Amino acid sequence: MRTALAALALAVTVGGASAQQQMPTVAELLTAEAKASRACEGSGDADVLREQCRLRDRLSGRLAQAGYCWGRKGQTDEKRQWHACQPDSIYEDDIEAVQP
């Protein structure tokens, strides 16, 4: 009986550990976002481009949740890059980010 309970406890522990997904690091999110962004801006199959743009947007949201911002206020698009948010950063939900 004890052996059966010990085996069951071990199975539950091992099963629970393998079911947990490791969260991506910021570096992994940055790499994935850059790849999706390049694919989104490319040419080719419209469905693939649309999916890559959606992926880029989801990854941007995850980076924002991790405290990262895309560019600084007053920067041109060419100079913007992901960085740890600071007071002069453009936040994902910043209304200034969408102003012309």
Protein backbone atom coordinates (compact mmCIF):
# COMPACT_ATOMS: atom_id res chain seq x y z
CA MET A 1 0.00 0.00 0.00
CA ARG A 2 2.78 2.46 0.89
CA THR A 3 4.62 1.60 -2.30
CA ALA A 4 1.51 2.30 -4.36
CA LEU A 5 0.98 5.66 -2.63
CA ALA A 6 4.64 6.61 -3.08
CA ALA A 7 4.48 5.70 -6.77
CA LEU A 8 1.30 7.74 -7.19
CA ALA A 9 2.86 10.75 -5.44
CA LEU A 10 5.95 10.49 -7.66
CA ALA A 11 3.83 10.24 -10.80
CA VAL A 12 1.83 13.33 -9.83
CA THR A 13 5.00 15.28 -9.04
CA VAL A 14 6.73 14.32 -12.28
CA GLY A 15 3.59 14.94 -14.32
CA GLY A 16 3.09 18.34 -12.74
CA ALA A 17 6.68 19.38 -13.38
CA SER A 18 6.54 18.45 -17.06
CA ALA A 19 3.20 20.21 -17.48
CA GLN A 20 4.67 23.55 -16.37
CA GLN A 21 5.85 25.63 -19.28
CA GLN A 22 9.00 27.68 -18.94
CA MET A 23 8.33 31.36 -19.59
CA PRO A 24 10.50 32.92 -22.30
CA THR A 25 13.21 35.33 -21.27
CA VAL A 26 13.22 38.96 -22.41
CA ALA A 27 16.10 38.11 -24.77
CA GLU A 28 14.02 35.33 -26.34
CA LEU A 29 11.02 37.64 -26.70
CA LEU A 30 13.22 40.31 -28.32
CA THR A 31 14.63 37.80 -30.80
CA ALA A 32 11.19 36.42 -31.66
CA GLU A 33 9.69 39.93 -32.03
CA ALA A 34 12.51 41.03 -34.36
CA LYS A 35 12.05 37.92 -36.52
CA ALA A 36 8.27 38.35 -36.68
CA SER A 37 8.67 42.06 -37.43
CA ARG A 38 11.00 41.35 -40.37
CA ALA A 39 8.60 38.71 -41.69
CA CYS A 40 5.64 41.09 -41.26
CA GLU A 41 7.36 43.74 -43.37
CA GLY A 42 8.40 41.28 -46.07
CA SER A 43 6.61 40.27 -49.21
CA GLY A 44 4.90 37.06 -50.14
CA ASP A 45 1.79 35.20 -49.07
CA ALA A 46 -0.70 37.68 -47.57
CA ASP A 47 -1.94 35.11 -45.02
CA VAL A 48 1.61 34.44 -43.79
CA LEU A 49 2.32 38.18 -43.54
CA ARG A 50 -0.89 38.75 -41.59
CA GLU A 51 -0.03 35.94 -39.15
CA GLN A 52 3.51 37.26 -38.65
CA CYS A 53 2.14 40.75 -37.98
CA ARG A 54 -0.27 39.32 -35.40
CA LEU A 55 2.61 37.42 -33.81
CA ARG A 56 4.71 40.60 -33.71
CA ASP A 57 1.86 42.44 -32.01
CA ARG A 58 1.42 39.69 -29.39
CA LEU A 59 5.16 39.65 -28.70
CA SER A 60 5.17 43.45 -28.40
CA GLY A 61 2.46 43.15 -25.77
CA ARG A 62 4.47 40.55 -23.86
CA LEU A 63 7.53 42.81 -23.96
CA ALA A 64 5.43 45.70 -22.65
CA GLN A 65 4.22 43.47 -19.81
CA ALA A 66 7.87 42.73 -19.04
CA GLY A 67 8.57 46.48 -18.70
CA TYR A 68 10.04 47.11 -22.14
CA CYS A 69 9.21 50.04 -24.41
CA TRP A 70 9.61 50.66 -28.15
CA GLY A 71 11.56 53.89 -28.63
CA ARG A 72 11.71 57.19 -26.83
CA LYS A 73 9.55 60.27 -27.24
CA GLY A 74 10.80 62.45 -30.08
CA GLN A 75 12.73 59.66 -31.84
CA THR A 76 12.20 58.91 -35.50
CA ASP A 77 10.97 55.42 -36.42
CA GLU A 78 14.41 54.45 -37.72
CA LYS A 79 16.04 55.06 -34.33
CA ARG A 80 13.44 53.28 -32.17
CA GLN A 81 14.39 50.05 -30.47
CA TRP A 82 13.23 47.96 -27.52
CA HIS A 83 14.67 48.97 -24.15
CA ALA A 84 13.78 48.83 -20.46
CA CYS A 85 11.13 51.54 -20.00
CA GLN A 86 12.29 54.90 -18.64
CA PRO A 87 10.49 58.23 -18.11
CA ASP A 88 11.09 59.36 -21.72
CA SER A 89 10.03 56.03 -23.23
CA ILE A 90 7.03 55.42 -25.44
CA TYR A 91 4.81 52.99 -23.58
CA GLU A 92 2.77 50.41 -25.49
CA ASP A 93 -0.47 52.14 -24.52
CA ASP A 94 0.94 55.67 -24.80
CA ILE A 95 -1.43 57.88 -26.79
CA GLU A 96 1.57 59.88 -28.07
CA ALA A 97 2.84 56.77 -29.83
CA VAL A 98 -0.03 56.90 -32.30
CA GLN A 99 -0.05 60.65 -32.91
CA PRO A 100 1.22 61.77 -36.37
